Amino acid sequence: MLKIVVNNEEHIKKFERITWKGGINGTSRTLEVKYLDDNSIAKLGDKAEFYVDEDKLFTGKVFSVEVSGQSKIKTFSCYDNSIYLNKNYFVKNFNKKKPSQILKEICGELKLEVGNIPEDKVDCTYPAIGRSGYQIILNAYTIQHRKDKKIYSIVSNDGKIEVVEQGSLADVMLNSEQDIKSSKYGEDIEKMVNQIVIYKTEKEKQQIVDKVENKEDKEKYGLFQKVMQYDKDRDNINNAKEMLKSVEKTGNITCLGNTLIQSGYSIGIHEPNTNLVGSFLVKNDTHIWENDMYYCDVELAFENVMDKTEFDEKPKSKESKGTKNKKNKKSKKKAGGK
């Protein structure tokens, strides 16, 4: 049974179409409801919840409403609360703050509840000028990721902002004969990067200090190279390794509906025709209820990597007055020719 609750008022009817979807890397989950009724059941800013049987799958707010003149079908679309992290920008300067403190400060200003978050393992010091709430929180957990190597993802769960470990295995096993209606697998090398050159500038001259490569890909596909400037405050070799990109693999399936299939979780698949056999991370999921049918469109990821953002950890130092005066004196001397 499908149920929509708007401002605590239940609506149980034959909806024309319900679409519930989400993705990794800061994508807010959305809900779109199409229905045929003389009266509108939702207005802009209303709180909306979506239930399948007794399981609450979505909590958010109505962001758009629409009426079709020909069919008289009404539509409203909602975002979960993580949208407020993406839509609000801040001027902040954090000094030795824990990731949880940064998250709670941002959520506090946006009046968002905080749910489950991981244990703090680092201190964070960085300015965040003109950055979104999502970027600011993600930067804190990027710093923690560099220490514990865990893959963190920021989500909204029942209206609360949470930080979860990406890639946890969901209790889902899809079989080609029973569950999968269509599937597609592809490979390409358009975005390949198989060598990174690390350089630094000294006395206005550039010099190469190191290289990182994927030797096997270079020999097989040819050279695809990028450059990276050396930074004494960073792990340059590790950062360069993360810039390498091998063969990009893509996979998509359409299957019978299962609400456990959600982005950020891994699911089991056995589809030998396209060689999609094993455990795969869900990159994007779209759930559709229409004409008494329920199915999912799923985009798979072949690597479990963290969505990252990195800010300068220290504000750029301003030029001292003494240095500035010396430069001015030199300029005047040159202008005078003596």
Protein backbone atom coordinates (compact mmCIF):
# COMPACT_ATOMS: atom_id res chain seq x y z
CA MET A 1 0.00 0.00 0.00
CA LEU A 2 1.28 3.44 -0.96
CA LYS A 3 0.59 6.37 1.33
CA ILE A 4 1.45 10.06 1.04
CA VAL A 5 1.22 12.22 4.17
CA VAL A 6 1.17 16.00 3.67
CA ASN A 7 1.21 18.14 6.81
CA ASN A 8 0.04 15.09 8.82
CA GLU A 9 -2.94 14.48 6.51
CA GLU A 10 -2.99 11.01 4.94
CA HIS A 11 -3.73 10.42 1.27
CA ILE A 12 -4.32 6.87 0.11
CA LYS A 13 -5.52 6.66 -3.47
CA LYS A 14 -4.52 5.37 -6.85
CA PHE A 15 -1.71 7.73 -7.74
CA GLU A 16 -0.93 8.08 -11.44
CA ARG A 17 2.81 7.79 -10.82
CA ILE A 18 5.22 8.07 -7.89
CA THR A 19 8.96 8.48 -8.46
CA TRP A 20 11.40 8.22 -5.57
CA LYS A 21 15.10 8.55 -6.36
CA GLY A 22 18.55 9.47 -5.12
CA GLY A 23 22.27 9.26 -5.80
CA ILE A 24 25.66 9.35 -4.13
CA ASN A 25 28.01 12.36 -4.04
CA GLY A 26 25.73 14.90 -2.39
CA THR A 27 22.58 14.20 -4.37
CA SER A 28 19.46 14.86 -2.30
CA ARG A 29 16.73 12.23 -2.46
CA THR A 30 13.60 13.42 -4.24
CA LEU A 31 9.95 12.44 -4.42
CA GLU A 32 7.64 13.25 -7.33
CA VAL A 33 3.91 12.48 -7.08
CA LYS A 34 1.43 12.62 -9.97
CA TYR A 35 -2.26 12.32 -9.15
CA LEU A 36 -5.71 13.08 -10.53
CA ASP A 37 -7.93 15.04 -8.15
CA ASP A 38 -10.10 18.13 -8.23
CA ASN A 39 -8.35 19.43 -5.11
CA SER A 40 -4.64 19.96 -4.65
CA ILE A 41 -3.18 17.92 -1.81
CA ALA A 42 0.14 19.81 -1.53
CA LYS A 43 1.36 23.40 -1.59
CA LEU A 44 4.86 24.87 -1.75
CA GLY A 45 6.68 24.43 1.56
CA ASP A 46 4.43 21.65 2.86
CA LYS A 47 6.01 18.75 4.74
CA ALA A 48 5.63 15.51 2.76
CA GLU A 49 6.19 11.89 3.78
CA PHE A 50 6.03 8.74 1.69
CA TYR A 51 5.22 5.27 3.02
CA VAL A 52 5.24 1.85 1.41
CA ASP A 53 3.13 -0.33 3.67
CA GLU A 54 4.33 0.79 7.12
CA ASP A 55 7.87 1.74 6.07
CA LYS A 56 8.57 5.45 5.86
CA LEU A 57 10.86 5.97 2.86
CA PHE A 58 10.91 9.74 2.53
CA THR A 59 10.59 12.92 4.57
CA GLY A 60 11.01 16.31 2.92
CA LYS A 61 9.39 19.51 1.69
CA VAL A 62 7.43 20.41 -1.42
CA PHE A 63 9.58 22.51 -3.75
CA SER A 64 7.39 22.66 -6.87
CA VAL A 65 3.76 22.14 -7.92
CA GLU A 66 2.29 21.82 -11.39
CA VAL A 67 -1.07 21.26 -13.11
CA SER A 68 -1.51 19.92 -16.64
CA GLY A 69 -4.44 21.63 -18.42
CA GLN A 70 -5.17 18.79 -20.85
CA SER A 71 -4.99 15.76 -18.56
CA LYS A 72 -5.79 17.63 -15.33
CA ILE A 73 -3.01 15.63 -13.68
CA LYS A 74 -1.42 17.45 -10.76
CA THR A 75 2.24 17.01 -9.79
CA PHE A 76 4.28 17.99 -6.77
CA SER A 77 8.00 17.44 -6.26
CA CYS A 78 9.91 17.29 -2.97
CA TYR A 79 13.49 17.27 -1.69
CA ASP A 80 14.74 15.74 1.53
CA ASN A 81 16.44 17.96 4.12
CA SER A 82 19.94 17.51 2.69
CA ILE A 83 18.94 20.05 0.01
CA TYR A 84 19.44 22.79 2.60
CA LEU A 85 23.13 21.81 2.90
CA ASN A 86 23.51 22.30 -0.86
CA LYS A 87 21.51 25.52 -1.10
CA ASN A 88 23.15 27.50 1.75
CA TYR A 89 26.62 29.08 1.69
CA PHE A 90 28.72 30.28 4.62
CA VAL A 91 31.71 32.31 5.72
CA LYS A 92 33.49 30.25 8.38
CA ASN A 93 36.94 29.81 9.90
CA PHE A 94 37.40 26.58 11.86
CA ASN A 95 40.30 26.07 14.26
CA LYS A 96 40.94 22.60 15.72
CA LYS A 97 37.29 21.61 15.49
CA LYS A 98 36.09 17.99 15.39
CA PRO A 99 34.10 16.92 12.30
CA SER A 100 30.99 16.41 14.47
CA GLN A 101 31.33 19.95 15.87
CA ILE A 102 31.50 21.39 12.35
CA LEU A 103 28.47 19.36 11.25
CA LYS A 104 26.44 20.39 14.30
CA GLU A 105 27.36 24.07 13.86
CA ILE A 106 26.21 24.12 10.22
CA CYS A 107 23.06 22.09 10.91
CA GLY A 108 22.29 24.25 13.96
CA GLU A 109 22.28 27.41 11.86
CA LEU A 110 19.97 25.72 9.34
CA LYS A 111 17.74 24.31 12.11
CA LEU A 112 18.35 20.76 10.90
CA GLU A 113 18.32 17.81 13.29
CA VAL A 114 21.43 15.61 13.47
CA GLY A 115 21.13 11.82 13.57
CA ASN A 116 23.82 9.14 13.66
CA ILE A 117 27.38 10.28 13.00
CA PRO A 118 30.72 8.45 13.26
CA GLU A 119 33.28 8.80 16.02
CA ASP A 120 35.63 11.78 15.65
CA LYS A 121 39.25 10.91 14.89
CA VAL A 122 40.78 14.20 13.73
CA ASP A 123 40.91 17.94 14.39
CA CYS A 124 40.12 20.26 11.49
CA THR A 125 41.54 23.71 10.83
CA TYR A 126 40.48 25.52 7.66
CA PRO A 127 38.71 28.63 6.40
CA ALA A 128 35.50 28.08 4.43
CA ILE A 129 34.64 31.21 2.48
CA GLY A 130 31.65 31.06 0.15
CA ARG A 131 31.30 27.30 0.54
CA SER A 132 28.06 25.34 0.81
CA GLY A 133 27.10 23.54 3.99
CA TYR A 134 27.57 20.25 2.18
CA GLN A 135 31.10 21.19 1.06
CA ILE A 136 32.07 22.37 4.55
CA ILE A 137 30.90 19.17 6.26
CA LEU A 138 32.33 16.99 3.49
CA ASN A 139 35.72 18.67 3.85
CA ALA A 140 35.81 17.75 7.55
CA TYR A 141 35.07 14.10 6.76
CA THR A 142 37.54 14.17 3.85
CA ILE A 143 40.22 15.04 6.43
CA GLN A 144 39.02 12.13 8.59
CA HIS A 145 38.97 9.84 5.52
CA ARG A 146 42.65 10.58 4.92
CA LYS A 147 43.36 9.13 8.36
CA ASP A 148 41.02 6.12 8.65
CA LYS A 149 40.43 5.45 4.89
CA LYS A 150 36.69 4.99 5.47
CA ILE A 151 34.26 6.15 2.77
CA TYR A 152 31.83 8.66 4.26
CA SER A 153 28.56 9.88 2.79
CA ILE A 154 26.24 12.66 4.02
CA VAL A 155 22.55 11.72 3.91
CA SER A 156 19.15 12.72 5.25
CA ASN A 157 17.37 9.93 7.12
CA ASP A 158 13.81 10.61 8.32
CA GLY A 159 14.56 14.33 8.25
CA LYS A 160 17.84 14.06 10.19
CA ILE A 161 21.28 14.75 8.73
CA GLU A 162 23.56 11.73 9.15
CA VAL A 163 27.04 10.66 8.09
CA VAL A 164 27.17 7.00 7.10
CA GLU A 165 29.81 4.62 5.83
CA GLN A 166 29.25 4.16 2.10
CA GLY A 167 29.20 0.69 0.58
CA SER A 168 27.44 -1.28 3.33
CA LEU A 169 25.87 -4.42 1.89
CA ALA A 170 22.08 -4.37 1.56
CA ASP A 171 20.12 -7.62 1.81
CA VAL A 172 19.49 -7.74 -1.94
CA MET A 173 20.43 -10.41 -4.51
CA LEU A 174 19.13 -9.81 -8.04
CA ASN A 175 18.95 -12.77 -10.40
CA SER A 176 18.65 -12.37 -14.17
CA GLU A 177 15.92 -15.00 -14.51
CA GLN A 178 13.65 -13.70 -11.75
CA ASP A 179 14.35 -10.04 -11.02
CA ILE A 180 16.22 -8.30 -13.85
CA LYS A 181 14.21 -7.07 -16.83
CA SER A 182 17.07 -5.45 -18.76
CA SER A 183 20.78 -4.80 -18.26
CA LYS A 184 23.65 -2.96 -19.93
CA TYR A 185 27.42 -2.94 -19.40
CA GLY A 186 30.04 -0.74 -21.08
CA GLU A 187 33.70 0.30 -20.96
CA ASP A 188 35.53 3.38 -22.28
CA ILE A 189 38.85 5.20 -21.90
CA GLU A 190 37.78 8.77 -22.73
CA LYS A 191 38.48 9.96 -19.18
CA MET A 192 41.63 7.89 -18.69
CA VAL A 193 44.58 9.43 -16.82
CA ASN A 194 47.56 7.08 -16.56
CA GLN A 195 50.39 9.42 -15.58
CA ILE A 196 50.68 12.38 -13.21
CA VAL A 197 53.69 14.69 -13.35
CA ILE A 198 54.39 16.50 -10.06
CA TYR A 199 56.24 19.80 -10.45
CA LYS A 200 57.26 22.74 -8.29
CA THR A 201 58.32 26.30 -8.98
CA GLU A 202 61.53 27.71 -7.50
CA LYS A 203 62.96 31.08 -8.43
CA GLU A 204 60.36 31.39 -11.20
CA LYS A 205 61.52 28.12 -12.79
CA GLN A 206 59.49 24.92 -12.98
CA GLN A 207 61.08 21.58 -12.29
CA ILE A 208 59.66 18.05 -12.24
CA VAL A 209 60.04 16.44 -8.82
CA ASP A 210 58.22 13.12 -9.32
CA LYS A 211 55.89 11.04 -11.48
CA VAL A 212 53.11 8.58 -10.71
CA GLU A 213 51.91 6.19 -13.40
CA ASN A 214 49.74 3.23 -14.26
CA LYS A 215 52.33 1.38 -16.33
CA GLU A 216 49.99 -1.30 -17.61
CA ASP A 217 47.46 1.25 -18.94
CA LYS A 218 50.24 3.34 -20.52
CA GLU A 219 51.59 0.38 -22.44
CA LYS A 220 48.15 -0.83 -23.54
CA TYR A 221 46.34 2.43 -24.39
CA GLY A 222 49.04 5.10 -24.80
CA LEU A 223 49.91 8.11 -22.62
CA PHE A 224 47.16 10.21 -20.99
CA GLN A 225 48.93 12.68 -18.70
CA LYS A 226 48.03 15.42 -16.23
CA VAL A 227 50.23 17.64 -14.08
CA MET A 228 49.99 18.51 -10.38
CA GLN A 229 51.79 21.25 -8.46
CA TYR A 230 53.86 20.09 -5.49
CA ASP A 231 52.53 21.16 -2.08
CA LYS A 232 54.79 20.72 0.93
CA ASP A 233 51.77 20.42 3.25
CA ARG A 234 50.16 17.53 1.34
CA ASP A 235 50.83 13.88 0.64
CA ASN A 236 51.67 14.54 -3.01
CA ILE A 237 52.24 10.94 -4.08
CA ASN A 238 48.97 9.74 -2.60
CA ASN A 239 47.06 12.69 -4.07
CA ALA A 240 48.58 11.96 -7.49
CA LYS A 241 47.57 8.29 -7.24
CA GLU A 242 43.99 9.36 -6.59
CA MET A 243 44.05 11.41 -9.81
CA LEU A 244 44.82 8.31 -11.92
CA LYS A 245 41.82 6.95 -13.84
CA SER A 246 41.77 3.58 -15.53
CA VAL A 247 39.12 2.07 -17.82
CA GLU A 248 35.73 3.49 -16.88
CA LYS A 249 33.08 0.80 -16.47
CA THR A 250 29.36 1.49 -16.53
CA GLY A 251 26.45 -0.75 -15.66
CA ASN A 252 22.69 -0.23 -15.64
CA ILE A 253 19.84 -2.56 -14.79
CA THR A 254 16.06 -2.36 -14.67
CA CYS A 255 14.62 -4.75 -12.13
CA LEU A 256 11.56 -5.55 -10.07
CA GLY A 257 11.07 -2.98 -7.33
CA ASN A 258 12.84 -3.39 -4.01
CA THR A 259 12.97 -0.49 -1.54
CA LEU A 260 16.28 -1.78 -0.12
CA ILE A 261 18.00 -0.78 -3.37
CA GLN A 262 19.32 2.67 -2.49
CA SER A 263 22.34 4.70 -3.54
CA GLY A 264 25.35 4.30 -1.26
CA TYR A 265 24.61 0.64 -0.53
CA SER A 266 26.04 -2.41 -2.28
CA ILE A 267 23.79 -5.08 -3.77
CA GLY A 268 24.38 -8.56 -5.15
CA ILE A 269 23.76 -9.18 -8.86
CA HIS A 270 23.93 -12.34 -10.98
CA GLU A 271 23.48 -11.41 -14.64
CA PRO A 272 25.98 -13.45 -16.72
CA ASN A 273 24.85 -12.10 -20.13
CA THR A 274 26.48 -8.72 -19.40
CA ASN A 275 29.04 -10.12 -16.95
CA LEU A 276 27.42 -8.25 -14.07
CA VAL A 277 28.15 -10.86 -11.44
CA GLY A 278 29.13 -9.98 -7.88
CA SER A 279 28.61 -7.11 -5.44
CA PHE A 280 28.12 -3.59 -6.86
CA LEU A 281 27.71 -0.15 -5.31
CA VAL A 282 24.47 1.61 -6.24
CA LYS A 283 25.41 4.99 -7.74
CA ASN A 284 21.90 6.18 -8.62
CA ASP A 285 18.52 4.59 -7.98
CA THR A 286 15.10 5.48 -9.40
CA HIS A 287 12.00 3.75 -8.03
CA ILE A 288 8.77 4.04 -10.04
CA TRP A 289 5.23 3.01 -9.10
CA GLU A 290 2.88 3.24 -12.09
CA ASN A 291 -0.12 1.29 -13.45
CA ASP A 292 -0.02 -1.16 -10.53
CA MET A 293 3.62 -1.93 -11.33
CA TYR A 294 6.76 -1.22 -9.32
CA TYR A 295 10.24 -1.30 -10.84
CA CYS A 296 13.71 0.21 -10.33
CA ASP A 297 16.25 1.74 -12.68
CA VAL A 298 19.69 1.30 -11.14
CA GLU A 299 23.05 2.78 -12.15
CA LEU A 300 26.00 0.84 -10.75
CA ALA A 301 29.44 2.00 -9.63
CA PHE A 302 32.46 -0.26 -10.00
CA GLU A 303 34.58 1.56 -7.42
CA ASN A 304 33.63 2.66 -3.94
CA VAL A 305 35.30 6.06 -3.76
CA MET A 306 34.49 8.98 -1.54
CA ASP A 307 33.05 12.24 -2.80
CA LYS A 308 35.79 14.62 -1.66
CA THR A 309 36.41 18.30 -1.33
CA GLU A 310 39.57 19.90 0.00
CA PHE A 311 40.02 23.50 1.10
CA ASP A 312 43.24 25.34 1.88
CA GLU A 313 43.94 24.48 5.51
CA LYS A 314 45.44 27.90 6.17
CA PRO A 315 44.36 31.31 4.92
CA LYS A 316 46.81 32.85 2.47
CA SER A 317 49.19 35.11 4.31
CA LYS A 318 49.00 38.78 3.48
CA GLU A 319 52.08 40.56 2.30
CA SER A 320 53.78 42.36 5.17
CA LYS A 321 54.08 46.13 5.10
CA GLY A 322 57.85 45.84 5.20
CA THR A 323 57.96 43.66 2.10
CA LYS A 324 55.48 45.89 0.33
CA ASN A 325 57.55 49.02 1.10
CA LYS A 326 60.70 47.35 -0.19
CA LYS A 327 58.96 46.52 -3.46
CA ASN A 328 57.71 50.10 -3.77
CA LYS A 329 61.23 51.44 -3.22
CA LYS A 330 62.61 49.11 -5.90
CA SER A 331 59.89 50.23 -8.31
CA LYS A 332 60.69 53.90 -7.68
CA LYS A 333 64.40 53.25 -8.14
CA LYS A 334 63.78 51.57 -11.51
CA ALA A 335 61.47 54.38 -12.59
CA GLY A 336 64.16 56.94 -11.76
CA GLY A 337 66.80 55.03 -13.66
CA LYS A 338 69.20 55.02 -10.65
